[in-house]
Amino acid sequence: MIDYLHLQTADAVTVEQIHAATDLWVHRQPQPHSHNVTDYRYGRMRFISNAKQWLGFLGRLRPAEVPRRPYAHLIEEYADYMVRERGLSPHTIRIHCWHLEQFLARFWEQHRCFREISIADIDAAIARKGDQDCYARTSIKAYASALRSFFRYAEQRGWCAHGLAAAIMSPRLFADEGLPKGPSWTDVQRLLTSTEGDQPKNVRDRAIIMLFAVYGMRVGEVRALRLGDLDWERELIYMTRPKSRRQQFYPLSHTVGESILRYLKKVRPHVPYREVFLTLKAPFRPPSSGSFYDVVGDRLRALNVSLKHRGPHSLRHACATRLLAGGLSMKEIGDHLGHRKIDTTRIYAKVDLTGLRQVANFDLGGLL
């Protein structure tokens, strides 16, 4: 790879140069004995991926120049407003901007001026989320809410006609519709059993899954966990909640602490990164959010656990349900999960239908 990319020089390497080097590498002579179309495609993909990761780690990858979108200034100004005036968290701002990017990208394909936008355009975009993008009603409602907030600001700035924000309609949600469902605690225990062994992946994944299941942590919270957030002397773990931006500390469970300590001693590479969890292969770096999803999703899928969503958030639901079954109050569960509103806790710690059936079948001794 060094020879094909000419890394002997100190110049940064562009994506175009990586692709050119890949062509030279796959057509090298003599060809490998088992060379076929599948090997060619896979080898090309791996060469490009490894080159990008390694050059990025060395700080020698020159990012491709992305043309500035004609509507970028609208999103930037609105994002600045959400920070300065509304004080929203970075996570919320990122989601709002993501929804807005989707809407404006499609609108600009029509080569129309933003001032020409009408409620019909907005209604069509919202309807498209259900008809073409297969969004659930809860997701469509979040999309419509993001657009309503943006157009309220756009009206104040004089970018569009007045009355658009008030006219935006979102789908009606019914009580308890789309309640999240997590795996049973028995399935959580099976999930942890699948991480037994001394393989580096199992050791790392066990510590990650325990943080999701025992503390109900979100992906962003586990990904952002740093070495300094673990107070071994006082047996505490600190985490910064991304939505409330408040730091909370919890007693470090002995079992969870042992799993993390085992990972730190036997698996985690000695690199300058301060994040607790890193990739298992070089170049070592903090994993992407998708990697944490795979840690849980792949294992639940292998166990044939029947769930609509198998990501890490399902373990947060399992944690809340477990605490509710253990007799903790909504306030205690909300504090554990980092909720500011008790209504949010009610969504996670939903009523156990199995328990309700047991109550319904209970013999009241002829009282009725």
Protein backbone atom coordinates (compact mmCIF):
# COMPACT_ATOMS: atom_id res chain seq x y z
CA MET A 1 0.00 0.00 0.00
CA ILE A 2 2.87 2.37 0.79
CA ASP A 3 4.38 1.86 -2.65
CA TYR A 4 1.10 2.23 -4.54
CA LEU A 5 0.13 5.41 -2.67
CA HIS A 6 3.66 6.88 -2.76
CA LEU A 7 3.60 7.52 0.99
CA GLN A 8 7.35 8.16 1.04
CA THR A 9 6.50 11.83 0.47
CA ALA A 10 4.88 14.04 3.09
CA ASP A 11 2.02 15.16 0.85
CA ALA A 12 -1.61 14.54 1.70
CA VAL A 13 -3.39 11.92 -0.41
CA THR A 14 -6.69 12.59 -2.16
CA VAL A 15 -9.56 10.14 -2.63
CA GLU A 16 -8.89 10.23 -6.38
CA GLN A 17 -5.30 9.12 -5.77
CA ILE A 18 -6.53 6.25 -3.61
CA HIS A 19 -8.80 5.02 -6.40
CA ALA A 20 -5.98 5.30 -8.94
CA ALA A 21 -3.65 3.34 -6.64
CA THR A 22 -6.38 0.73 -6.18
CA ASP A 23 -6.59 0.22 -9.96
CA LEU A 24 -2.82 -0.37 -10.10
CA TRP A 25 -2.99 -2.80 -7.20
CA VAL A 26 -5.86 -4.97 -8.51
CA HIS A 27 -4.21 -5.19 -11.97
CA ARG A 28 -0.75 -6.00 -10.61
CA GLN A 29 1.26 -8.79 -12.19
CA PRO A 30 1.43 -11.64 -11.56
CA GLN A 31 -2.20 -12.03 -10.49
CA PRO A 32 -3.02 -14.11 -7.37
CA HIS A 33 -3.82 -17.75 -8.18
CA SER A 34 -7.42 -17.54 -6.89
CA HIS A 35 -8.17 -14.23 -8.57
CA ASN A 36 -11.80 -14.01 -9.79
CA VAL A 37 -14.52 -11.38 -10.10
CA THR A 38 -15.59 -11.75 -6.46
CA ASP A 39 -12.01 -11.49 -5.20
CA TYR A 40 -11.48 -8.48 -7.46
CA ARG A 41 -14.47 -6.57 -6.10
CA TYR A 42 -13.83 -7.49 -2.48
CA GLY A 43 -10.11 -6.73 -2.74
CA ARG A 44 -10.78 -3.36 -4.33
CA MET A 45 -13.29 -2.46 -1.63
CA ARG A 46 -10.92 -3.53 1.16
CA PHE A 47 -7.95 -1.65 -0.32
CA ILE A 48 -9.94 1.61 -0.54
CA SER A 49 -11.41 1.18 2.94
CA ASN A 50 -8.09 0.35 4.59
CA ALA A 51 -6.30 3.18 2.76
CA LYS A 52 -8.85 5.76 3.87
CA GLN A 53 -8.78 4.59 7.48
CA TRP A 54 -4.99 4.44 7.67
CA LEU A 55 -4.43 7.80 5.98
CA GLY A 56 -7.09 9.37 8.19
CA PHE A 57 -5.30 7.97 11.24
CA LEU A 58 -2.01 9.45 10.00
CA GLY A 59 -3.67 12.79 9.25
CA ARG A 60 -2.67 12.51 5.59
CA LEU A 61 -6.07 12.04 3.95
CA ARG A 62 -7.21 15.11 2.04
CA PRO A 63 -11.02 15.12 2.23
CA ALA A 64 -12.90 15.40 -1.03
CA GLU A 65 -14.20 18.86 -1.74
CA VAL A 66 -17.96 18.83 -1.31
CA PRO A 67 -19.74 21.61 -3.21
CA ARG A 68 -21.59 23.93 -0.88
CA ARG A 69 -25.33 23.44 -1.04
CA PRO A 70 -27.30 26.54 -2.10
CA TYR A 71 -29.47 26.20 1.00
CA ALA A 72 -26.61 25.61 3.46
CA HIS A 73 -26.82 29.14 4.85
CA LEU A 74 -30.45 28.56 5.88
CA ILE A 75 -29.55 25.50 7.92
CA GLU A 76 -26.48 27.16 9.44
CA GLU A 77 -28.39 30.26 10.55
CA TYR A 78 -31.24 28.17 11.95
CA ALA A 79 -28.78 25.92 13.83
CA ASP A 80 -27.13 29.00 15.33
CA TYR A 81 -30.56 30.24 16.43
CA MET A 82 -31.30 26.90 18.13
CA VAL A 83 -28.04 27.20 20.07
CA ARG A 84 -28.22 30.89 21.05
CA GLU A 85 -31.93 31.48 21.54
CA ARG A 86 -33.42 28.11 22.39
CA GLY A 87 -30.48 26.46 24.14
CA LEU A 88 -31.17 23.07 22.58
CA SER A 89 -28.73 20.20 23.01
CA PRO A 90 -26.31 19.29 20.19
CA HIS A 91 -28.17 16.01 19.74
CA THR A 92 -31.52 17.75 19.19
CA ILE A 93 -29.98 20.32 16.86
CA ARG A 94 -28.34 17.58 14.82
CA ILE A 95 -31.67 15.76 14.39
CA HIS A 96 -33.49 18.98 13.39
CA CYS A 97 -30.81 19.82 10.84
CA TRP A 98 -30.92 16.28 9.45
CA HIS A 99 -34.68 16.53 8.87
CA LEU A 100 -34.26 19.98 7.33
CA GLU A 101 -31.47 18.78 5.04
CA GLN A 102 -33.74 16.04 3.69
CA PHE A 103 -36.56 18.49 3.00
CA LEU A 104 -34.46 21.24 1.40
CA ALA A 105 -32.41 18.83 -0.73
CA ARG A 106 -35.56 17.54 -2.43
CA PHE A 107 -37.10 20.99 -2.75
CA TRP A 108 -33.98 22.41 -4.41
CA GLU A 109 -34.08 19.65 -7.01
CA GLN A 110 -37.06 21.52 -8.47
CA HIS A 111 -34.86 24.60 -9.08
CA ARG A 112 -37.31 26.92 -7.36
CA CYS A 113 -36.78 29.95 -5.14
CA PHE A 114 -37.30 29.32 -1.43
CA ARG A 115 -39.82 32.20 -1.20
CA GLU A 116 -42.09 30.28 -3.58
CA ILE A 117 -42.56 27.44 -1.13
CA SER A 118 -46.19 26.65 -0.26
CA ILE A 119 -48.02 24.50 2.25
CA ALA A 120 -48.72 22.07 -0.61
CA ASP A 121 -44.96 21.50 -0.96
CA ILE A 122 -44.63 20.83 2.76
CA ASP A 123 -47.67 18.53 2.85
CA ALA A 124 -46.26 16.56 -0.10
CA ALA A 125 -42.91 16.17 1.67
CA ILE A 126 -44.61 14.90 4.85
CA ALA A 127 -46.82 12.51 2.88
CA ARG A 128 -43.76 11.20 1.04
CA LYS A 129 -42.25 10.13 4.35
CA GLY A 130 -45.07 7.65 4.81
CA ASP A 131 -45.72 6.62 1.20
CA GLN A 132 -42.16 6.31 -0.11
CA ASP A 133 -39.77 6.38 2.85
CA CYS A 134 -41.95 4.04 4.96
CA TYR A 135 -41.68 6.17 8.11
CA ALA A 136 -43.76 5.18 11.13
CA ARG A 137 -46.31 7.73 12.33
CA THR A 138 -44.14 8.67 15.29
CA SER A 139 -41.23 9.43 12.93
CA ILE A 140 -43.47 11.41 10.56
CA LYS A 141 -44.69 13.44 13.53
CA ALA A 142 -41.09 14.23 14.52
CA TYR A 143 -40.31 15.24 10.92
CA ALA A 144 -43.36 17.53 10.75
CA SER A 145 -42.49 19.04 14.12
CA ALA A 146 -38.96 19.84 12.93
CA LEU A 147 -40.32 21.52 9.79
CA ARG A 148 -42.86 23.50 11.82
CA SER A 149 -40.15 24.82 14.09
CA PHE A 150 -37.96 25.81 11.14
CA PHE A 151 -40.73 27.57 9.22
CA ARG A 152 -41.73 29.48 12.34
CA TYR A 153 -38.20 30.88 12.37
CA ALA A 154 -38.19 31.38 8.57
CA GLU A 155 -41.34 33.49 8.85
CA GLN A 156 -39.70 35.70 11.47
CA ARG A 157 -36.74 36.19 9.15
CA GLY A 158 -38.95 36.99 6.19
CA TRP A 159 -37.67 34.07 4.13
CA CYS A 160 -41.14 32.74 3.25
CA ALA A 161 -44.83 33.57 3.39
CA HIS A 162 -46.51 33.91 6.78
CA GLY A 163 -48.83 31.21 8.05
CA LEU A 164 -46.89 28.19 6.78
CA ALA A 165 -45.82 26.96 10.21
CA ALA A 166 -49.36 27.11 11.62
CA ALA A 167 -50.71 25.21 8.61
CA ILE A 168 -48.33 22.23 8.94
CA MET A 169 -50.31 19.18 10.04
CA SER A 170 -48.78 16.06 11.54
CA PRO A 171 -50.33 12.61 12.03
CA ARG A 172 -52.30 12.05 15.17
CA LEU A 173 -50.79 9.68 17.70
CA PHE A 174 -52.90 7.68 20.09
CA ALA A 175 -52.12 6.90 23.70
CA ASP A 176 -49.47 4.19 24.05
CA GLU A 177 -49.09 3.92 20.26
CA GLY A 178 -45.70 2.69 19.22
CA LEU A 179 -44.51 1.98 22.76
CA PRO A 180 -40.94 0.73 22.60
CA LYS A 181 -40.41 -2.96 23.28
CA GLY A 182 -37.25 -4.39 24.72
CA PRO A 183 -36.10 -7.97 25.18
CA SER A 184 -37.11 -9.89 28.27
CA TRP A 185 -34.59 -10.06 31.07
CA THR A 186 -34.12 -13.74 30.25
CA ASP A 187 -33.07 -12.71 26.74
CA VAL A 188 -30.73 -10.09 28.20
CA GLN A 189 -29.08 -12.82 30.26
CA ARG A 190 -28.78 -14.98 27.13
CA LEU A 191 -27.22 -12.01 25.38
CA LEU A 192 -24.59 -11.70 28.10
CA THR A 193 -23.96 -15.44 27.98
CA SER A 194 -23.08 -15.06 24.30
CA THR A 195 -20.18 -12.80 25.31
CA GLU A 196 -18.48 -15.36 27.55
CA GLY A 197 -14.96 -16.35 26.61
CA ASP A 198 -11.54 -14.77 26.17
CA GLN A 199 -11.88 -13.55 22.59
CA PRO A 200 -11.17 -9.79 22.44
CA LYS A 201 -14.52 -9.07 20.79
CA ASN A 202 -16.42 -10.95 23.50
CA VAL A 203 -14.51 -9.21 26.29
CA ARG A 204 -15.19 -5.75 24.84
CA ASP A 205 -18.81 -6.46 23.86
CA ARG A 206 -19.64 -7.79 27.32
CA ALA A 207 -18.59 -4.53 28.97
CA ILE A 208 -20.55 -2.49 26.41
CA ILE A 209 -23.73 -4.57 26.71
CA MET A 210 -23.62 -4.35 30.51
CA LEU A 211 -23.57 -0.57 30.35
CA PHE A 212 -26.62 -0.62 28.08
CA ALA A 213 -28.55 -3.14 30.16
CA VAL A 214 -27.58 -2.24 33.75
CA TYR A 215 -27.42 1.56 33.48
CA GLY A 216 -29.75 2.06 30.51
CA MET A 217 -27.13 4.16 28.77
CA ARG A 218 -27.64 5.51 25.27
CA VAL A 219 -25.23 4.84 22.41
CA GLY A 220 -23.83 8.39 22.57
CA GLU A 221 -23.20 8.06 26.29
CA VAL A 222 -21.28 4.78 25.97
CA ARG A 223 -19.37 6.08 22.95
CA ALA A 224 -18.38 9.25 24.83
CA LEU A 225 -17.38 7.45 28.05
CA ARG A 226 -13.80 8.38 28.89
CA LEU A 227 -11.18 6.82 31.13
CA GLY A 228 -11.49 9.72 33.56
CA ASP A 229 -15.20 8.98 34.00
CA LEU A 230 -14.36 5.82 35.92
CA ASP A 231 -13.52 6.55 39.56
CA TRP A 232 -12.09 3.26 40.73
CA GLU A 233 -11.22 4.45 44.24
CA ARG A 234 -14.75 5.58 45.08
CA GLU A 235 -16.35 3.00 42.77
CA LEU A 236 -18.30 5.56 40.75
CA ILE A 237 -19.06 5.98 37.06
CA TYR A 238 -19.77 9.43 35.60
CA MET A 239 -21.76 10.08 32.45
CA THR A 240 -22.88 13.23 30.67
CA ARG A 241 -26.44 13.03 29.38
CA PRO A 242 -26.51 14.40 25.80
CA LYS A 243 -30.05 15.79 25.97
CA SER A 244 -29.96 17.54 29.34
CA ARG A 245 -26.17 18.05 29.16
CA ARG A 246 -26.01 17.24 32.86
CA GLN A 247 -23.36 15.01 34.38
CA GLN A 248 -24.60 12.24 36.63
CA PHE A 249 -22.70 9.72 38.67
CA TYR A 250 -23.72 6.22 39.69
CA PRO A 251 -22.29 3.51 41.91
CA LEU A 252 -20.06 1.32 39.77
CA SER A 253 -21.54 -2.16 39.97
CA HIS A 254 -18.97 -4.80 40.88
CA THR A 255 -19.96 -6.99 37.91
CA VAL A 256 -19.88 -4.09 35.44
CA GLY A 257 -16.62 -2.80 36.91
CA GLU A 258 -14.98 -6.21 36.58
CA SER A 259 -16.05 -6.43 32.92
CA ILE A 260 -14.69 -2.98 32.08
CA LEU A 261 -11.45 -3.61 33.99
CA ARG A 262 -10.94 -6.90 32.17
CA TYR A 263 -11.37 -5.13 28.83
CA LEU A 264 -8.96 -2.33 29.81
CA LYS A 265 -6.26 -4.76 30.94
CA LYS A 266 -6.49 -7.46 28.29
CA VAL A 267 -7.98 -5.95 25.13
CA ARG A 268 -7.85 -2.17 24.91
CA PRO A 269 -4.78 -1.00 22.93
CA HIS A 270 -2.35 1.51 24.46
CA VAL A 271 -3.10 4.57 22.31
CA PRO A 272 -3.55 8.29 23.17
CA TYR A 273 -7.35 8.19 22.86
CA ARG A 274 -9.12 8.81 26.17
CA GLU A 275 -12.39 7.14 25.16
CA VAL A 276 -12.88 3.83 26.97
CA PHE A 277 -13.98 1.77 23.97
CA LEU A 278 -11.93 1.56 20.78
CA THR A 279 -11.98 -0.49 17.61
CA LEU A 280 -10.43 -3.96 17.75
CA LYS A 281 -8.28 -3.50 14.65
CA ALA A 282 -5.79 -0.84 13.60
CA PRO A 283 -5.99 2.01 13.03
CA PHE A 284 -7.39 2.12 16.57
CA ARG A 285 -10.00 4.81 17.17
CA PRO A 286 -13.40 5.25 18.88
CA PRO A 287 -16.03 3.11 17.13
CA SER A 288 -18.84 4.69 15.15
CA SER A 289 -22.38 4.75 16.52
CA GLY A 290 -23.30 2.06 14.00
CA SER A 291 -20.65 -0.23 15.45
CA PHE A 292 -22.35 -0.10 18.85
CA TYR A 293 -25.64 -0.96 17.15
CA ASP A 294 -24.00 -4.01 15.58
CA VAL A 295 -22.63 -5.16 18.95
CA VAL A 296 -26.19 -5.63 20.21
CA GLY A 297 -28.14 -6.18 16.98
CA ASP A 298 -25.96 -8.95 15.57
CA ARG A 299 -26.05 -10.92 18.81
CA LEU A 300 -29.82 -10.57 19.34
CA ARG A 301 -30.35 -11.65 15.74
CA ALA A 302 -28.13 -14.71 16.28
CA LEU A 303 -30.22 -15.61 19.35
CA ASN A 304 -33.43 -15.33 17.27
CA VAL A 305 -34.90 -12.81 19.69
CA SER A 306 -38.17 -11.60 18.17
CA LEU A 307 -38.02 -7.80 18.26
CA LYS A 308 -38.88 -5.08 15.77
CA HIS A 309 -35.82 -3.09 16.84
CA ARG A 310 -32.72 -4.93 18.05
CA GLY A 311 -30.43 -1.98 18.69
CA PRO A 312 -28.86 -0.84 21.98
CA HIS A 313 -31.92 1.27 22.82
CA SER A 314 -33.93 -1.94 23.24
CA LEU A 315 -31.70 -2.73 26.24
CA ARG A 316 -32.57 0.67 27.70
CA HIS A 317 -36.22 -0.36 27.52
CA ALA A 318 -35.38 -3.71 29.09
CA CYS A 319 -33.56 -1.91 31.90
CA ALA A 320 -36.55 0.35 32.61
CA THR A 321 -38.99 -2.56 32.58
CA ARG A 322 -36.73 -4.55 34.90
CA LEU A 323 -36.58 -1.67 37.37
CA LEU A 324 -40.36 -1.27 37.26
CA ALA A 325 -40.85 -4.98 37.94
CA GLY A 326 -38.43 -4.63 40.85
CA GLY A 327 -40.75 -2.14 42.54
CA LEU A 328 -38.89 1.11 41.89
CA SER A 329 -40.99 4.25 41.53
CA MET A 330 -41.29 6.26 38.33
CA LYS A 331 -39.18 8.98 39.92
CA GLU A 332 -36.41 6.51 40.79
CA ILE A 333 -36.47 4.97 37.31
CA GLY A 334 -36.45 8.44 35.71
CA ASP A 335 -33.43 9.45 37.78
CA HIS A 336 -31.64 6.26 36.77
CA LEU A 337 -32.31 6.85 33.07
CA GLY A 338 -31.53 10.57 33.24
CA HIS A 339 -35.07 11.75 32.43
CA ARG A 340 -36.23 15.26 33.23
CA LYS A 341 -39.95 14.51 32.79
CA ILE A 342 -41.83 11.64 34.36
CA ASP A 343 -43.94 11.25 31.19
CA THR A 344 -40.79 10.14 29.37
CA THR A 345 -40.24 7.44 31.97
CA ARG A 346 -43.79 6.18 31.52
CA ILE A 347 -43.02 5.56 27.86
CA TYR A 348 -39.97 3.44 28.63
CA ALA A 349 -41.27 1.68 31.71
CA LYS A 350 -44.50 0.57 30.06
CA VAL A 351 -47.01 -1.73 31.70
CA ASP A 352 -46.12 -5.40 31.42
CA LEU A 353 -49.03 -7.03 29.56
CA THR A 354 -48.12 -10.46 30.94
CA GLY A 355 -48.47 -9.08 34.44
CA LEU A 356 -51.84 -7.57 33.59
CA ARG A 357 -53.10 -10.92 32.32
CA GLN A 358 -52.04 -12.52 35.60
CA VAL A 359 -54.06 -9.91 37.48
CA ALA A 360 -57.04 -10.44 35.18
CA ASN A 361 -56.95 -14.20 35.81
CA PHE A 362 -56.60 -13.79 39.57
CA ASP A 363 -59.41 -15.43 41.55
CA LEU A 364 -61.00 -12.73 43.70
CA GLY A 365 -62.79 -15.29 45.86
CA GLY A 366 -66.31 -14.52 44.75
CA LEU A 367 -66.08 -10.78 45.41
CA LEU A 368 -67.45 -10.05 41.93
